[in-house]
């Protein structure tokens, strides 16, 4: 009896697709692509194959520099598979022209960018839009992001970020969808579908789910830190959104910086091959994060040649900025540290992505100079962004029925960022138009007209320490100007405004520079300089005409001791 049960159990396990590598289904379209790529790869030298695995940053080169830059020399030599951080049809077309007219095999390039929550039309940050719980709206935001980015020549976005995080100290928590694996999975599907569509039209771009894996679970919320958890917890709480994105057809995935089970994710064969390809059947390509390969050197994994070989052996296909693949793989091949089959695998996957985008049929597919004027930052797109933003508002408290605000009386607006354009868009809004930003002050004026009086006060500087304030705010935010008055003088002004006001709207919290890489914090409480800005804090929709309907995607944690005690 025991033997029969064991055999049946083994049969069930083997039949489960999570435990069996999925076989590739051959269709006429698949066969046509395979034949094309087989023919192309038969003509490629080892150097050209390795070149397809190289993803440098463009430095946003200008059109005039395109043909004379160092990058152009590598493109002509077939040593570049794609570029990122370049936007604009004229510039991208000039670079693409080098690839398809001046390189030996005329292989087109991918052009990537972090289109995270919109392009010129900016939507709420990912943690904010998650509060809508509206998958149609989230999909629509990705669709508009893809339309606008592709009209600027971009054909690949490093999004969505689906990292589950339950530690608000982590600097990139605002870039994800919160703490819940089910919600995160649904959002991952919606975003991938919105970006990619069917990958046929010139406004559909490659998605890249990131950061695989467990990037949001670093110890103490510290970026790039160790992740140590059981596989049971991984599979139940942290891995589902990655798999959901892959099931939705994500064309690419980005490796994370952190280590998992003592091994950097970039060098983890268990993550990149065993789970990703064998269990989940992922058929796209894997790109490192920025300098993900050479950063392993500092962590004692070996020299550049060693860590590059480790990454390729693990299942990495494309090296972002590191130059490790480009400069060492041929030597590693000669020394039998990597195999030609591994290089061929990675090269084929990059070429397949380009084929699916239609770049071999039309390398200038995303370079139509007439699209931007008609499809970027349109009134229709901005209206959708406003509607989605309205859905994302979460009402935490409404003491004494303060909301909705009456469009009459005197309103006090207090805070150092109440009239600051750069901080309206949030983190990772790389293509936002700052001159088009509407501040809280301007928004209130637009909504109230002459029906109410608005009094303003600074209340405080952003930080008490002017040196730290310059380091973290003014470096990337030239629109912010420090007030030379003392803290006591600023608070006195704020109190005077509050006394004269029927209600106070206090604009407090972090600037956008306090989110992102290397922006983890030790204290989640609001900065002390903001505590005395007013008697009452109110968050409102611009004209008060819509009820806040959002539901938070992250457990509310008020003080450091709460961290980790109120999940989900």
Protein backbone atom coordinates (compact mmCIF):
# COMPACT_ATOMS: atom_id res chain seq x y z
CA UNK A 1 0.00 0.00 0.00
CA UNK A 2 2.80 2.41 0.93
CA UNK A 3 4.55 1.74 -2.37
CA UNK A 4 1.41 2.46 -4.42
CA UNK A 5 0.90 5.79 -2.64
CA UNK A 6 4.53 6.74 -3.27
CA UNK A 7 4.29 5.94 -6.97
CA UNK A 8 1.05 7.90 -7.36
CA UNK A 9 2.53 10.87 -5.50
CA UNK A 10 5.61 10.82 -7.73
CA UNK A 11 3.43 10.69 -10.83
CA UNK A 12 1.43 13.72 -9.69
CA UNK A 13 4.59 15.69 -8.94
CA UNK A 14 6.11 14.90 -12.33
CA UNK A 15 2.90 15.85 -14.11
CA UNK A 16 2.81 19.25 -12.41
CA UNK A 17 4.10 21.91 -14.83
CA UNK A 18 6.01 23.53 -11.97
CA UNK A 19 8.26 20.48 -11.85
CA UNK A 20 8.59 19.71 -15.53
CA UNK A 21 10.27 21.89 -18.11
CA UNK A 22 7.75 23.06 -20.65
CA UNK A 23 8.35 22.01 -24.21
CA UNK A 24 8.33 24.57 -26.96
CA UNK A 25 5.24 24.42 -29.16
CA UNK A 26 6.10 24.86 -32.82
CA UNK A 27 3.62 26.81 -34.90
CA UNK A 28 4.11 28.02 -38.49
CA UNK A 29 4.91 31.50 -37.16
CA UNK A 30 7.36 30.03 -34.64
CA UNK A 31 9.00 27.93 -37.33
CA UNK A 32 9.34 30.96 -39.58
CA UNK A 33 11.04 32.90 -36.79
CA UNK A 34 13.32 29.97 -35.95
CA UNK A 35 14.37 29.60 -39.58
CA UNK A 36 15.13 33.31 -39.86
CA UNK A 37 17.19 33.39 -36.67
CA UNK A 38 18.98 30.13 -37.50
CA UNK A 39 20.06 31.60 -40.82
CA UNK A 40 21.15 34.87 -39.21
CA UNK A 41 23.09 33.19 -36.41
CA UNK A 42 24.88 30.93 -38.90
CA UNK A 43 26.43 34.10 -40.32
CA UNK A 44 27.40 35.60 -36.97
CA UNK A 45 30.86 35.45 -35.48
CA UNK A 46 31.32 34.74 -31.78
CA UNK A 47 32.12 38.43 -31.26
CA UNK A 48 28.86 39.45 -32.93
CA UNK A 49 26.87 36.98 -30.85
CA UNK A 50 28.42 38.32 -27.67
CA UNK A 51 27.74 41.84 -28.93
CA UNK A 52 24.00 41.17 -28.88
CA UNK A 53 24.30 40.57 -25.13
CA UNK A 54 25.70 44.06 -24.49
CA UNK A 55 23.38 46.85 -23.27
CA UNK A 56 25.23 50.14 -22.70
CA UNK A 57 23.71 53.44 -21.64
CA UNK A 58 23.59 56.03 -24.38
CA UNK A 59 24.20 58.98 -22.12
CA UNK A 60 21.31 60.46 -24.16
CA UNK A 61 23.65 61.33 -27.01
CA UNK A 62 22.61 64.11 -29.35
CA UNK A 63 21.77 63.50 -32.99
CA UNK A 64 24.96 65.15 -34.20
CA UNK A 65 27.12 62.97 -31.94
CA UNK A 66 25.48 59.71 -32.91
CA UNK A 67 27.81 58.81 -35.76
CA UNK A 68 31.04 59.83 -34.03
CA UNK A 69 30.56 58.58 -30.47
CA UNK A 70 32.34 55.59 -28.95
CA UNK A 71 29.00 53.82 -28.84
CA UNK A 72 28.62 54.23 -32.60
CA UNK A 73 31.95 52.49 -33.13
CA UNK A 74 30.77 49.51 -31.11
CA UNK A 75 27.46 49.48 -32.98
CA UNK A 76 29.25 49.39 -36.33
CA UNK A 77 31.34 46.49 -35.04
CA UNK A 78 28.22 44.55 -34.04
CA UNK A 79 29.05 44.86 -30.34
CA UNK A 80 25.79 46.40 -29.09
CA UNK A 81 22.42 44.69 -28.73
CA UNK A 82 20.51 47.72 -27.49
CA UNK A 83 20.74 51.09 -25.78
CA UNK A 84 18.85 52.73 -22.94
CA UNK A 85 18.43 56.27 -21.62
CA UNK A 86 17.95 57.69 -25.08
CA UNK A 87 14.67 59.22 -26.20
CA UNK A 88 13.40 61.18 -29.15
CA UNK A 89 12.69 59.89 -32.65
CA UNK A 90 15.47 61.89 -34.31
CA UNK A 91 18.19 60.61 -31.98
CA UNK A 92 16.96 57.03 -31.94
CA UNK A 93 16.57 56.90 -35.71
CA UNK A 94 20.11 58.23 -36.16
CA UNK A 95 21.50 55.49 -33.91
CA UNK A 96 19.33 52.77 -35.45
CA UNK A 97 20.56 53.87 -38.85
CA UNK A 98 24.13 53.13 -37.80
CA UNK A 99 23.13 49.59 -36.82
CA UNK A 100 21.18 48.72 -39.95
CA UNK A 101 23.30 50.55 -42.50
CA UNK A 102 26.85 50.46 -41.15
CA UNK A 103 27.19 47.15 -39.32
CA UNK A 104 28.07 43.94 -41.15
CA UNK A 105 24.82 42.05 -40.48
CA UNK A 106 22.52 45.07 -40.11
CA UNK A 107 20.89 43.82 -36.90
CA UNK A 108 18.58 46.48 -35.39
CA UNK A 109 18.83 47.67 -31.79
CA UNK A 110 16.47 47.66 -28.83
CA UNK A 111 15.89 51.03 -27.14
CA UNK A 112 14.90 50.88 -23.49
CA UNK A 113 13.82 53.31 -20.80
CA UNK A 114 12.26 53.25 -17.34
CA UNK A 115 8.69 54.12 -18.29
CA UNK A 116 7.37 53.34 -14.82
CA UNK A 117 4.17 55.32 -14.28
CA UNK A 118 3.70 57.15 -17.53
CA UNK A 119 5.86 59.04 -19.98
CA UNK A 120 5.10 62.73 -20.58
CA UNK A 121 1.62 62.07 -19.21
CA UNK A 122 2.38 60.97 -15.65
CA UNK A 123 0.11 58.74 -13.59
CA UNK A 124 0.18 58.19 -9.81
CA UNK A 125 3.25 56.39 -8.53
CA UNK A 126 2.82 52.59 -8.60
CA UNK A 127 2.02 52.37 -4.89
CA UNK A 128 -0.58 55.08 -5.41
CA UNK A 129 -2.24 53.61 -8.49
CA UNK A 130 -2.37 50.25 -6.68
CA UNK A 131 -4.81 51.83 -4.24
CA UNK A 132 -7.40 52.03 -7.02
CA UNK A 133 -7.66 48.23 -7.19
CA UNK A 134 -8.91 48.98 -10.71
CA UNK A 135 -7.16 46.68 -13.17
CA UNK A 136 -8.75 48.29 -16.21
CA UNK A 137 -7.45 51.69 -15.12
CA UNK A 138 -3.99 50.30 -14.38
CA UNK A 139 -3.86 48.56 -17.75
CA UNK A 140 -4.95 51.80 -19.42
CA UNK A 141 -2.12 53.71 -17.70
CA UNK A 142 0.41 51.22 -19.07
CA UNK A 143 -1.20 51.42 -22.51
CA UNK A 144 -0.87 55.21 -22.57
CA UNK A 145 2.70 54.96 -21.30
CA UNK A 146 3.52 52.59 -24.16
CA UNK A 147 1.82 54.81 -26.74
CA UNK A 148 3.73 57.90 -25.66
CA UNK A 149 7.09 56.19 -25.19
CA UNK A 150 6.89 54.42 -28.55
CA UNK A 151 6.02 57.72 -30.23
CA UNK A 152 9.39 58.91 -28.92
CA UNK A 153 11.23 55.92 -30.41
CA UNK A 154 11.35 53.67 -27.33
CA UNK A 155 10.46 50.00 -27.81
CA UNK A 156 11.26 48.49 -24.41
CA UNK A 157 10.31 49.59 -20.88
CA UNK A 158 11.94 48.42 -17.66
CA UNK A 159 8.55 47.96 -16.03
CA UNK A 160 6.51 46.75 -14.22
CA UNK A 161 8.26 46.54 -10.88
CA UNK A 162 6.42 43.82 -8.98
CA UNK A 163 8.58 43.46 -5.87
CA UNK A 164 6.52 42.73 -2.77
CA UNK A 165 7.72 44.78 0.19
CA UNK A 166 6.52 44.93 3.77
CA UNK A 167 9.12 47.31 5.12
CA UNK A 168 8.33 51.01 4.62
CA UNK A 169 11.95 51.93 5.29
CA UNK A 170 12.91 50.58 1.87
CA UNK A 171 13.58 53.45 -0.52
CA UNK A 172 11.83 51.86 -3.49
CA UNK A 173 8.61 50.79 -1.81
CA UNK A 174 6.80 53.57 -3.69
CA UNK A 175 7.76 51.95 -7.00
CA UNK A 176 5.92 48.70 -6.33
CA UNK A 177 2.35 47.57 -5.79
CA UNK A 178 2.42 47.09 -2.03
CA UNK A 179 2.55 44.07 0.21
CA UNK A 180 -0.16 41.73 -1.06
CA UNK A 181 0.84 38.98 -3.52
CA UNK A 182 -2.65 38.64 -4.99
CA UNK A 183 -3.04 42.35 -5.71
CA UNK A 184 0.55 42.49 -6.96
CA UNK A 185 -0.10 39.59 -9.32
CA UNK A 186 -3.22 41.16 -10.80
CA UNK A 187 -1.41 44.46 -11.32
CA UNK A 188 1.56 42.68 -12.91
CA UNK A 189 -0.75 41.08 -15.48
CA UNK A 190 -2.53 44.35 -16.20
CA UNK A 191 0.71 46.27 -16.70
CA UNK A 192 2.33 43.69 -18.97
CA UNK A 193 -0.79 43.46 -21.11
CA UNK A 194 -1.05 47.23 -21.29
CA UNK A 195 2.53 47.69 -22.43
CA UNK A 196 2.77 44.80 -24.86
CA UNK A 197 -0.67 44.22 -26.32
CA UNK A 198 0.02 41.69 -29.07
CA UNK A 199 3.45 43.17 -29.91
CA UNK A 200 2.30 43.96 -33.41
CA UNK A 201 1.48 47.67 -33.60
CA UNK A 202 4.06 50.44 -33.45
CA UNK A 203 2.65 51.58 -30.10
CA UNK A 204 3.20 48.24 -28.33
CA UNK A 205 6.51 47.78 -26.54
CA UNK A 206 8.39 45.07 -24.66
CA UNK A 207 7.74 44.82 -20.94
CA UNK A 208 10.48 43.91 -18.46
CA UNK A 209 9.25 42.65 -15.10
CA UNK A 210 11.62 43.47 -12.25
CA UNK A 211 13.49 42.90 -9.97
CA UNK A 212 13.74 39.13 -9.94
CA UNK A 213 13.74 38.10 -7.23
CA UNK A 214 12.74 39.22 -3.73
CA UNK A 215 14.30 42.67 -4.15
CA UNK A 216 11.74 44.24 -1.82
CA UNK A 217 12.54 41.86 1.04
CA UNK A 218 16.01 43.10 1.92
CA UNK A 219 16.84 42.93 5.62
CA UNK A 220 15.90 46.11 7.53
CA UNK A 221 14.61 47.69 4.33
CA UNK A 222 18.16 48.34 3.15
CA UNK A 223 18.59 48.46 -0.61
CA UNK A 224 20.64 45.67 -2.25
CA UNK A 225 20.73 43.85 1.09
CA UNK A 226 20.64 40.17 1.98
CA UNK A 227 17.32 38.33 1.66
CA UNK A 228 16.92 35.32 3.91
CA UNK A 229 13.62 33.45 4.02
CA UNK A 230 12.20 29.97 3.57
CA UNK A 231 11.16 28.79 0.12
CA UNK A 232 7.64 28.28 1.46
CA UNK A 233 7.44 32.00 2.16
CA UNK A 234 9.04 32.83 -1.18
CA UNK A 235 6.50 30.85 -3.17
CA UNK A 236 3.49 32.03 -1.18
CA UNK A 237 4.25 35.69 -0.54
CA UNK A 238 6.96 37.03 -2.85
CA UNK A 239 7.24 35.05 -6.10
CA UNK A 240 3.60 35.11 -7.33
CA UNK A 241 3.72 38.56 -9.01
CA UNK A 242 6.79 37.61 -11.06
CA UNK A 243 5.11 34.45 -12.25
CA UNK A 244 1.90 36.34 -13.01
CA UNK A 245 3.83 38.74 -15.23
CA UNK A 246 5.48 35.84 -17.02
CA UNK A 247 2.15 34.07 -17.47
CA UNK A 248 0.87 37.30 -19.02
CA UNK A 249 3.66 37.07 -21.58
CA UNK A 250 6.32 39.49 -20.33
CA UNK A 251 9.04 39.52 -22.98
CA UNK A 252 11.89 40.11 -20.55
CA UNK A 253 12.78 40.07 -16.89
CA UNK A 254 15.40 41.99 -14.92
CA UNK A 255 17.61 40.33 -12.32
CA UNK A 256 17.80 41.93 -8.89
CA UNK A 257 20.85 43.17 -7.00
CA UNK A 258 20.20 41.34 -3.73
CA UNK A 259 21.41 37.90 -2.78
CA UNK A 260 19.06 35.00 -2.23
CA UNK A 261 20.19 32.04 -0.13
CA UNK A 262 23.68 33.50 -0.01
CA UNK A 263 24.07 33.89 -3.78
CA UNK A 264 23.57 37.14 -5.76
CA UNK A 265 20.42 36.78 -7.84
CA UNK A 266 22.46 37.65 -10.93
CA UNK A 267 24.52 34.49 -10.37
CA UNK A 268 21.73 32.23 -9.13
CA UNK A 269 21.12 29.29 -11.46
CA UNK A 270 18.28 28.19 -9.19
CA UNK A 271 16.42 31.47 -9.77
CA UNK A 272 17.34 32.19 -13.39
CA UNK A 273 17.12 28.68 -14.82
CA UNK A 274 15.53 26.18 -12.46
CA UNK A 275 12.59 28.32 -11.35
CA UNK A 276 12.26 30.85 -14.16
CA UNK A 277 12.68 28.62 -17.18
CA UNK A 278 12.13 25.05 -16.02
CA UNK A 279 9.31 25.54 -13.51
CA UNK A 280 7.60 28.58 -15.01
CA UNK A 281 8.40 28.05 -18.67
CA UNK A 282 9.70 31.58 -19.28
CA UNK A 283 10.73 31.99 -22.92
CA UNK A 284 11.95 35.58 -22.93
CA UNK A 285 15.35 37.02 -22.07
CA UNK A 286 16.90 38.08 -18.77
CA UNK A 287 18.77 41.38 -18.42
CA UNK A 288 20.84 42.42 -15.43
CA UNK A 289 20.14 45.57 -13.49
CA UNK A 290 22.54 48.50 -13.92
CA UNK A 291 26.11 47.14 -13.47
CA UNK A 292 24.65 44.05 -11.84
CA UNK A 293 27.54 41.86 -13.02
CA UNK A 294 30.57 43.96 -11.96
CA UNK A 295 28.95 44.76 -8.62
CA UNK A 296 29.46 41.11 -7.70
CA UNK A 297 33.21 41.78 -7.71
CA UNK A 298 32.91 43.94 -4.59
CA UNK A 299 31.06 41.12 -2.87
CA UNK A 300 33.91 38.68 -3.27
CA UNK A 301 32.57 36.63 -6.17
CA UNK A 302 35.71 37.03 -8.29
CA UNK A 303 37.11 39.27 -11.01
CA UNK A 304 35.12 40.57 -13.99
CA UNK A 305 35.75 37.46 -16.05
CA UNK A 306 34.66 35.17 -13.22
CA UNK A 307 31.45 37.02 -12.36
CA UNK A 308 30.53 37.39 -16.04
CA UNK A 309 30.86 33.63 -16.52
CA UNK A 310 28.83 33.02 -13.37
CA UNK A 311 26.03 35.24 -14.70
CA UNK A 312 25.89 33.56 -18.11
CA UNK A 313 26.01 30.10 -16.53
CA UNK A 314 23.15 31.09 -14.22
CA UNK A 315 20.94 32.12 -17.13
CA UNK A 316 21.55 35.86 -17.63
CA UNK A 317 21.23 36.87 -21.29
CA UNK A 318 22.04 40.58 -21.40
CA UNK A 319 24.58 42.67 -19.49
CA UNK A 320 23.40 46.18 -18.64
CA UNK A 321 26.32 48.62 -18.62
CA UNK A 322 28.75 46.17 -17.02
CA UNK A 323 30.83 45.40 -20.16
CA UNK A 324 31.61 42.05 -18.58
CA UNK A 325 30.08 39.93 -21.32
CA UNK A 326 31.58 42.07 -24.07
CA UNK A 327 35.11 42.04 -22.68
CA UNK A 328 35.44 38.58 -21.11
CA UNK A 329 33.09 35.96 -22.58
CA UNK A 330 35.27 35.15 -25.57
CA UNK A 331 38.20 34.47 -23.26
CA UNK A 332 35.98 32.40 -20.96
CA UNK A 333 34.81 30.41 -23.99
CA UNK A 334 38.40 29.64 -24.93
CA UNK A 335 39.10 28.58 -21.35
CA UNK A 336 35.91 26.46 -21.25
CA UNK A 337 34.40 28.48 -18.42
CA UNK A 338 31.33 29.02 -20.59
CA UNK A 339 30.03 27.14 -23.61
CA UNK A 340 29.07 28.26 -27.09
CA UNK A 341 25.62 26.79 -26.42
CA UNK A 342 25.14 29.28 -23.57
CA UNK A 343 26.22 32.19 -25.75
CA UNK A 344 23.94 30.97 -28.55
CA UNK A 345 21.03 30.67 -26.10
CA UNK A 346 21.38 34.25 -24.93
CA UNK A 347 21.94 35.62 -28.44
CA UNK A 348 18.91 33.79 -29.81
CA UNK A 349 16.63 35.16 -27.09
CA UNK A 350 17.69 38.75 -27.82
CA UNK A 351 17.17 38.23 -31.55
CA UNK A 352 13.76 36.66 -30.92
CA UNK A 353 12.66 39.75 -29.00
CA UNK A 354 13.69 41.96 -31.91
CA UNK A 355 11.92 39.68 -34.35
CA UNK A 356 8.69 39.73 -32.32
CA UNK A 357 8.81 43.52 -32.24
CA UNK A 358 9.00 43.52 -36.04
CA UNK A 359 12.37 45.29 -36.13
CA UNK A 360 13.81 42.99 -38.79
CA UNK A 361 10.91 43.89 -41.08
CA UNK A 362 11.08 47.59 -40.24
CA UNK A 363 13.92 48.79 -38.00
CA UNK A 364 12.37 52.27 -38.01
CA UNK A 365 8.97 51.03 -36.90
CA UNK A 366 9.10 53.24 -33.80
CA UNK A 367 10.62 56.25 -35.53
CA UNK A 368 7.59 57.94 -37.08
CA UNK A 369 8.24 61.69 -36.60
CA UNK A 370 4.55 62.56 -36.94
CA UNK A 371 3.31 60.53 -33.98
CA UNK A 372 4.57 62.58 -31.03
CA UNK A 373 2.55 65.68 -31.85
CA UNK A 374 -0.64 63.61 -32.07
CA UNK A 375 -0.09 60.99 -29.35
CA UNK A 376 2.06 62.44 -26.56
CA UNK A 377 0.71 64.48 -23.62
CA UNK A 378 -2.66 64.81 -25.27
CA UNK A 379 -5.69 66.30 -23.49
CA UNK A 380 -7.30 62.86 -23.62
CA UNK A 381 -4.32 61.22 -21.92
CA UNK A 382 -4.18 63.91 -19.24
CA UNK A 383 -7.88 63.48 -18.54
CA UNK A 384 -7.39 59.74 -18.04
CA UNK A 385 -4.52 60.48 -15.66
CA UNK A 386 -6.73 62.83 -13.64
CA UNK A 387 -9.51 60.25 -13.43
CA UNK A 388 -7.13 57.52 -12.29
CA UNK A 389 -5.52 59.85 -9.76
CA UNK A 390 -8.97 60.56 -8.34
CA UNK A 391 -9.56 56.83 -7.91
CA UNK A 392 -6.30 56.43 -6.00
CA UNK A 393 -7.07 58.82 -3.13
CA UNK A 394 -7.32 57.03 0.23
CA UNK A 395 -9.25 58.71 3.05
CA UNK A 396 -7.58 57.89 6.37
CA UNK A 397 -9.62 60.12 8.67
CA UNK A 398 -12.31 62.75 8.33
CA UNK A 399 -12.67 64.25 11.80
CA UNK A 400 -15.60 66.62 12.27
CA UNK A 401 -16.64 66.09 8.64
CA UNK A 402 -13.95 68.47 7.43
CA UNK A 403 -14.18 66.96 3.97
CA UNK A 404 -15.33 67.79 1.44
CA UNK A 405 -13.97 71.32 1.69
CA UNK A 406 -16.40 74.10 1.04
CA UNK A 407 -15.52 76.39 -1.84
CA UNK A 408 -15.79 79.41 0.40
CA UNK A 409 -14.17 81.00 3.41
CA UNK A 410 -10.44 81.06 4.06
CA UNK A 411 -8.13 78.12 3.40
CA UNK A 412 -4.60 78.03 4.81
CA UNK A 413 -2.05 76.20 2.67
CA UNK A 414 1.10 75.37 4.59
CA UNK A 415 4.22 73.42 3.65
CA UNK A 416 7.61 73.75 1.93
CA UNK A 417 6.45 71.79 -1.12
CA UNK A 418 3.00 73.33 -1.52
CA UNK A 419 4.11 75.32 -4.54
CA UNK A 420 6.91 73.15 -5.91
CA UNK A 421 6.61 71.74 -9.42
CA UNK A 422 9.36 69.11 -9.30
CA UNK A 423 7.81 67.11 -6.48
CA UNK A 424 4.35 66.70 -7.98
CA UNK A 425 5.23 63.75 -10.21
CA UNK A 426 6.89 61.37 -7.77
CA UNK A 427 9.81 59.00 -8.14
CA UNK A 428 10.99 57.61 -11.48
CA UNK A 429 9.08 60.04 -13.68
CA UNK A 430 11.96 60.25 -16.14
CA UNK A 431 10.12 62.01 -18.96
CA UNK A 432 7.85 64.28 -16.92
CA UNK A 433 7.41 67.83 -18.18
CA UNK A 434 8.19 69.96 -15.12
CA UNK A 435 6.97 73.14 -16.78
CA UNK A 436 3.54 71.52 -17.14
CA UNK A 437 3.29 70.53 -13.49
CA UNK A 438 0.37 71.91 -11.47
CA UNK A 439 1.32 72.50 -7.84
CA UNK A 440 -1.06 72.12 -4.91
CA UNK A 441 -1.34 75.90 -4.65
CA UNK A 442 -2.14 76.33 -8.32
CA UNK A 443 -4.58 73.43 -8.21
CA UNK A 444 -6.47 75.02 -5.33
CA UNK A 445 -6.58 78.35 -7.13
CA UNK A 446 -7.91 76.65 -10.25
CA UNK A 447 -10.60 74.85 -8.27
CA UNK A 448 -11.69 77.70 -6.02
CA UNK A 449 -11.45 80.66 -8.36
CA UNK A 450 -12.68 83.75 -6.53
CA UNK A 451 -14.99 81.78 -4.24
CA UNK A 452 -12.50 81.40 -1.40
CA UNK A 453 -9.42 83.09 -0.02
CA UNK A 454 -6.12 81.19 0.13
CA UNK A 455 -3.43 82.11 2.67
CA UNK A 456 0.00 80.51 2.34
CA UNK A 457 2.94 79.90 4.64
CA UNK A 458 6.19 78.00 4.28
CA UNK A 459 5.93 76.45 7.74
CA UNK A 460 9.41 74.97 7.60
CA UNK A 461 12.26 74.23 5.31
CA UNK A 462 12.33 70.78 3.85
CA UNK A 463 15.09 69.71 6.25
CA UNK A 464 16.57 71.53 9.22
CA UNK A 465 20.13 70.83 8.03
CA UNK A 466 20.88 73.03 5.01
CA UNK A 467 23.78 70.84 3.87
CA UNK A 468 21.68 67.69 3.89
CA UNK A 469 18.82 69.55 2.25
CA UNK A 470 21.06 70.62 -0.62
CA UNK A 471 22.44 67.10 -0.96
CA UNK A 472 19.08 65.35 -1.11
CA UNK A 473 16.79 67.96 -2.60
CA UNK A 474 18.48 70.70 -4.58
CA UNK A 475 20.85 68.40 -6.44
CA UNK A 476 17.98 67.09 -8.58
CA UNK A 477 15.37 69.72 -7.83
CA UNK A 478 16.52 73.20 -8.87
CA UNK A 479 13.00 74.55 -8.37
CA UNK A 480 13.28 74.23 -4.58
CA UNK A 481 14.67 77.31 -2.81
CA UNK A 482 15.57 77.29 0.87
CA UNK A 483 14.04 79.97 3.08
CA UNK A 484 16.64 81.94 5.03
CA UNK A 485 14.38 82.53 8.04
CA UNK A 486 14.83 80.59 11.26
CA UNK A 487 12.70 77.59 12.13
CA UNK A 488 10.91 79.61 14.81
CA UNK A 489 10.07 82.38 12.35
CA UNK A 490 8.68 79.90 9.81
CA UNK A 491 6.50 78.21 12.44
CA UNK A 492 5.25 81.56 13.71
CA UNK A 493 4.14 82.50 10.20
CA UNK A 494 2.36 79.15 9.80
CA UNK A 495 0.53 79.58 13.11
CA UNK A 496 -0.64 83.05 12.10
CA UNK A 497 -2.01 81.67 8.84
CA UNK A 498 -3.72 78.82 10.69
CA UNK A 499 -5.41 81.21 13.12
CA UNK A 500 -6.88 83.19 10.24
CA UNK A 501 -8.07 80.12 8.32
CA UNK A 502 -11.27 78.10 8.48
CA UNK A 503 -9.31 75.00 7.52
CA UNK A 504 -5.63 74.24 6.98
CA UNK A 505 -4.26 72.08 4.19
CA UNK A 506 -0.77 70.98 5.25
CA UNK A 507 1.46 69.69 2.45
CA UNK A 508 3.96 67.54 4.29
CA UNK A 509 6.10 64.47 3.74
CA UNK A 510 9.00 63.45 1.57
CA UNK A 511 10.29 64.89 -1.66
CA UNK A 512 10.67 62.63 -4.67
CA UNK A 513 14.43 62.43 -4.08
CA UNK A 514 13.74 60.51 -0.88
CA UNK A 515 12.43 57.57 -2.87
CA UNK A 516 14.50 55.31 -5.07
CA UNK A 517 17.85 53.57 -4.96
CA UNK A 518 20.03 54.35 -1.94
CA UNK A 519 17.09 56.12 -0.30
CA UNK A 520 16.27 53.73 2.51
CA UNK A 521 15.50 55.39 5.85
CA UNK A 522 15.97 54.40 9.47
CA UNK A 523 12.92 56.31 10.68
CA UNK A 524 9.52 56.24 8.96
CA UNK A 525 8.09 59.09 11.01
CA UNK A 526 7.61 62.47 9.36
CA UNK A 527 10.59 64.82 9.71
CA UNK A 528 10.48 66.93 12.86
CA UNK A 529 10.55 70.22 10.94
CA UNK A 530 7.13 69.36 9.50
CA UNK A 531 5.37 68.58 12.78
CA UNK A 532 4.47 72.16 13.66
CA UNK A 533 3.35 73.33 10.25
CA UNK A 534 -0.33 73.50 11.15
CA UNK A 535 -3.10 72.38 13.46
CA UNK A 536 -4.77 70.10 10.98
CA UNK A 537 -3.68 67.94 8.06
CA UNK A 538 -6.11 67.32 5.24
CA UNK A 539 -5.67 65.42 1.98
CA UNK A 540 -8.16 66.45 -0.68
CA UNK A 541 -9.02 65.94 -4.28
CA UNK A 542 -8.36 69.13 -6.19
CA UNK A 543 -11.92 70.46 -6.23
CA UNK A 544 -13.49 68.27 -3.54
CA UNK A 545 -16.12 67.02 -5.96
CA UNK A 546 -15.20 63.33 -5.84
CA UNK A 547 -15.34 60.98 -2.89
CA UNK A 548 -12.00 59.30 -2.09
CA UNK A 549 -12.49 55.64 -3.04
CA UNK A 550 -8.97 54.22 -2.88
CA UNK A 551 -7.98 51.37 -0.58
CA UNK A 552 -4.40 51.28 0.62
CA UNK A 553 -2.15 48.58 -0.83
CA UNK A 554 0.18 48.83 2.16
CA UNK A 555 -0.52 48.33 5.87
CA UNK A 556 -0.40 51.59 7.77
CA UNK A 557 2.65 51.64 10.06
CA UNK A 558 2.96 54.76 12.18
CA UNK A 559 6.17 54.19 14.09
CA UNK A 560 9.32 52.10 13.69
CA UNK A 561 8.17 49.45 16.25
CA UNK A 562 5.14 48.77 14.02
CA UNK A 563 7.29 47.55 11.11
CA UNK A 564 6.62 43.91 10.35
CA UNK A 565 3.77 43.66 12.85
CA UNK A 566 0.86 44.74 10.62
CA UNK A 567 1.28 42.96 7.30
CA UNK A 568 -1.61 42.57 4.88
